[in-house]
Amino acid sequence: MSDTPARTGHEARLHPLFVAACGGDRRCYAALLSAISDIAQGYVRRKLSADGDDVVQEILISVHKGLHTYDVKRPCMPWLAAIMHYRLNDALRRRYRDQRMPKVAIEDVEAYLCAPVTESIDLDEHIVAAIAELPEGQQKVITGMYVKDMSVADVSKALGMSISAVKVTAHRAYKRLRDKLKEGGS
């Protein structure tokens, strides 16, 4: 009876290639990468609905970089499956991250960063009209904070209100403005 468990399927086909490739056989190494590419394409295709050529390439690069860590006395498929699993997860993380944070054109960033920060804000007519419809106290708070660019403390002193009263009034004004502007935009 043999000490080595019976190898079947991919394991039986790949293990001798792994052993020879780790021993320096270039032809076996090329055959190994080709066989891994086929297996990886099937794996990635089952897991991703989109094109997965980049993921297959990353799997092959990881195998290339990590081949020296493979122990030829052990089965090769668990080692390869771990690499395929981690490279696929890396790709999915990138995809979800890119969906959460869309890419912005550098020109847009430059325009934003180069805009003068000391210019006064030009309010659109519909915003000015919406502010004019607020109760007088809310108008004064919003005008002080956002048109005259005063701090909450300065508005508090100018209007003779407590800081918390200014904050509450501003919050109520924001809500009214938001509702008013939604009505106008619908």
Protein backbone atom coordinates (compact mmCIF):
# COMPACT_ATOMS: atom_id res chain seq x y z
CA MET A 1 0.00 0.00 0.00
CA SER A 2 1.30 3.50 -0.86
CA ASP A 3 1.77 6.38 1.63
CA THR A 4 0.39 8.81 -0.96
CA PRO A 5 -3.40 9.11 -1.23
CA ALA A 6 -4.90 8.31 -4.62
CA ARG A 7 -4.94 11.42 -6.81
CA THR A 8 -7.95 12.04 -9.01
CA GLY A 9 -9.11 14.68 -11.50
CA HIS A 10 -7.20 17.94 -11.52
CA GLU A 11 -4.95 16.75 -8.72
CA ALA A 12 -3.77 13.71 -10.72
CA ARG A 13 -3.09 15.85 -13.78
CA LEU A 14 -1.52 18.87 -12.06
CA HIS A 15 0.56 17.37 -9.26
CA PRO A 16 3.25 15.89 -11.56
CA LEU A 17 3.43 19.26 -13.37
CA PHE A 18 3.82 21.07 -10.05
CA VAL A 19 6.59 18.70 -8.97
CA ALA A 20 8.46 19.03 -12.28
CA ALA A 21 7.97 22.83 -12.39
CA CYS A 22 9.29 23.17 -8.85
CA GLY A 23 12.27 21.09 -10.00
CA GLY A 24 13.03 23.60 -12.75
CA ASP A 25 11.48 21.93 -15.82
CA ARG A 26 10.47 24.87 -18.05
CA ARG A 27 8.21 22.86 -20.37
CA CYS A 28 6.29 21.45 -17.41
CA TYR A 29 6.07 24.94 -15.96
CA ALA A 30 4.50 26.25 -19.19
CA ALA A 31 2.11 23.27 -19.28
CA LEU A 32 1.25 23.87 -15.61
CA LEU A 33 0.38 27.53 -16.22
CA SER A 34 -1.71 26.58 -19.22
CA ALA A 35 -3.65 23.96 -17.23
CA ILE A 36 -4.10 26.37 -14.30
CA SER A 37 -5.34 29.03 -16.71
CA ASP A 38 -8.08 26.67 -17.96
CA ILE A 39 -9.10 25.74 -14.41
CA ALA A 40 -9.03 29.36 -13.24
CA GLN A 41 -11.12 30.55 -16.19
CA GLY A 42 -13.81 28.00 -15.35
CA TYR A 43 -13.72 28.95 -11.67
CA VAL A 44 -13.86 32.69 -12.32
CA ARG A 45 -16.60 32.32 -14.96
CA ARG A 46 -18.78 30.46 -12.43
CA LYS A 47 -18.26 33.13 -9.79
CA LEU A 48 -18.35 36.34 -11.86
CA SER A 49 -20.94 37.37 -14.38
CA ALA A 50 -18.53 39.80 -16.04
CA ASP A 51 -15.30 39.15 -17.89
CA GLY A 52 -12.74 37.70 -15.50
CA ASP A 53 -9.57 37.71 -17.59
CA ASP A 54 -7.88 40.11 -15.16
CA VAL A 55 -8.64 37.80 -12.25
CA VAL A 56 -7.25 34.78 -14.16
CA GLN A 57 -4.11 36.79 -14.89
CA GLU A 58 -3.76 37.70 -11.20
CA ILE A 59 -4.15 34.02 -10.28
CA LEU A 60 -1.37 33.06 -12.71
CA ILE A 61 0.90 35.80 -11.37
CA SER A 62 0.26 34.63 -7.80
CA VAL A 63 1.09 31.04 -8.76
CA HIS A 64 4.27 32.24 -10.46
CA LYS A 65 5.34 34.34 -7.48
CA GLY A 66 4.38 31.71 -4.90
CA LEU A 67 5.44 28.49 -6.60
CA HIS A 68 8.52 28.29 -4.39
CA THR A 69 6.20 28.04 -1.35
CA TYR A 70 4.40 24.93 -2.65
CA ASP A 71 5.34 21.72 -0.83
CA VAL A 72 5.53 18.97 -3.47
CA LYS A 73 4.70 16.32 -0.84
CA ARG A 74 1.24 17.80 -0.38
CA PRO A 75 -1.76 17.93 -2.72
CA CYS A 76 -1.66 20.88 -5.10
CA MET A 77 -5.38 21.62 -5.48
CA PRO A 78 -5.94 23.05 -1.97
CA TRP A 79 -2.94 25.34 -2.51
CA LEU A 80 -4.24 26.43 -5.93
CA ALA A 81 -7.85 26.76 -4.67
CA ALA A 82 -6.71 29.13 -1.92
CA ILE A 83 -4.91 31.34 -4.43
CA MET A 84 -7.94 31.39 -6.76
CA HIS A 85 -10.26 32.17 -3.84
CA TYR A 86 -8.16 35.06 -2.54
CA ARG A 87 -7.56 36.64 -5.97
CA LEU A 88 -11.29 36.47 -6.74
CA ASN A 89 -12.13 38.08 -3.40
CA ASP A 90 -9.57 40.82 -4.08
CA ALA A 91 -11.26 41.53 -7.42
CA LEU A 92 -14.72 41.61 -5.84
CA ARG A 93 -13.50 44.02 -3.14
CA ARG A 94 -12.11 46.33 -5.83
CA ARG A 95 -15.33 46.14 -7.82
CA TYR A 96 -17.52 46.99 -4.80
CA ARG A 97 -15.16 49.74 -3.69
CA ASP A 98 -15.24 51.28 -7.18
CA GLN A 99 -19.04 51.16 -7.16
CA ARG A 100 -19.16 52.95 -3.79
CA MET A 101 -16.61 55.57 -4.75
CA PRO A 102 -17.00 56.48 -8.40
CA LYS A 103 -13.93 57.72 -10.20
CA VAL A 104 -13.70 61.48 -10.70
CA ALA A 105 -11.95 63.11 -13.64
CA ILE A 106 -8.78 64.92 -12.60
CA GLU A 107 -9.98 68.05 -14.41
CA ASP A 108 -12.99 68.20 -12.10
CA VAL A 109 -10.77 67.94 -9.04
CA GLU A 110 -8.40 70.62 -10.36
CA ALA A 111 -11.30 72.99 -11.05
CA TYR A 112 -12.63 72.44 -7.54
CA LEU A 113 -9.24 72.92 -5.88
CA CYS A 114 -8.39 76.00 -7.94
CA ALA A 115 -11.70 77.77 -7.24
CA PRO A 116 -11.24 80.88 -5.10
CA VAL A 117 -12.24 80.20 -1.52
CA THR A 118 -12.71 83.83 -0.51
CA GLU A 119 -15.44 84.73 -3.01
CA SER A 120 -18.91 85.22 -1.62
CA ILE A 121 -21.47 82.60 -2.47
CA ASP A 122 -23.84 83.56 -5.28
CA LEU A 123 -27.22 82.23 -4.29
CA ASP A 124 -29.61 81.14 -6.98
CA GLU A 125 -32.82 83.09 -7.26
CA HIS A 126 -34.92 80.14 -6.13
CA ILE A 127 -32.83 79.77 -2.97
CA VAL A 128 -33.11 83.50 -2.22
CA ALA A 129 -36.87 83.26 -2.75
CA ALA A 130 -37.09 80.21 -0.45
CA ILE A 131 -35.13 82.04 2.28
CA ALA A 132 -37.46 85.05 1.91
CA GLU A 133 -40.42 82.78 2.70
CA LEU A 134 -38.91 81.65 6.02
CA PRO A 135 -40.08 83.17 9.31
CA GLU A 136 -38.09 86.30 10.21
CA GLY A 137 -35.97 84.63 12.91
CA GLN A 138 -34.96 81.78 10.62
CA GLN A 139 -34.18 84.26 7.83
CA LYS A 140 -31.83 86.20 10.12
CA VAL A 141 -30.00 83.05 11.27
CA ILE A 142 -29.56 81.66 7.74
CA THR A 143 -28.54 85.06 6.37
CA GLY A 144 -26.00 85.52 9.15
CA MET A 145 -24.51 82.05 8.90
CA TYR A 146 -24.51 81.45 5.16
CA VAL A 147 -24.81 84.76 3.38
CA LYS A 148 -22.62 86.80 5.74
CA ASP A 149 -20.49 83.74 6.67
CA MET A 150 -20.74 84.35 10.42
CA SER A 151 -20.02 81.70 13.02
CA VAL A 152 -22.79 80.34 15.24
CA ALA A 153 -21.30 82.29 18.16
CA ASP A 154 -21.28 85.54 16.13
CA VAL A 155 -24.90 85.04 15.02
CA SER A 156 -25.81 84.30 18.64
CA LYS A 157 -24.28 87.61 19.79
CA ALA A 158 -25.70 89.64 16.90
CA LEU A 159 -29.24 88.35 17.38
CA GLY A 160 -29.16 88.10 21.18
CA MET A 161 -29.91 84.36 21.11
CA SER A 162 -28.22 81.48 22.88
CA ILE A 163 -25.91 79.30 20.80
CA SER A 164 -28.26 76.32 21.16
CA ALA A 165 -31.23 78.48 20.05
CA VAL A 166 -29.28 79.51 16.92
CA LYS A 167 -28.52 75.86 16.15
CA VAL A 168 -32.16 74.80 16.65
CA THR A 169 -33.40 77.70 14.52
CA ALA A 170 -30.88 76.87 11.79
CA HIS A 171 -31.93 73.22 11.85
CA ARG A 172 -35.59 74.14 11.47
CA ALA A 173 -34.73 76.55 8.67
CA TYR A 174 -32.75 73.83 6.85
CA LYS A 175 -35.71 71.50 7.05
CA ARG A 176 -38.10 74.13 5.70
CA LEU A 177 -35.67 75.08 2.92
CA ARG A 178 -35.14 71.46 1.99
CA ASP A 179 -38.91 70.87 1.81
CA LYS A 180 -39.47 74.13 -0.10
CA LEU A 181 -36.72 73.36 -2.64
CA LYS A 182 -38.02 69.81 -3.15
CA GLU A 183 -41.46 71.21 -3.93
CA GLY A 184 -39.99 73.59 -6.46
CA GLY A 185 -37.82 70.89 -8.06
CA SER A 186 -40.65 68.36 -8.52
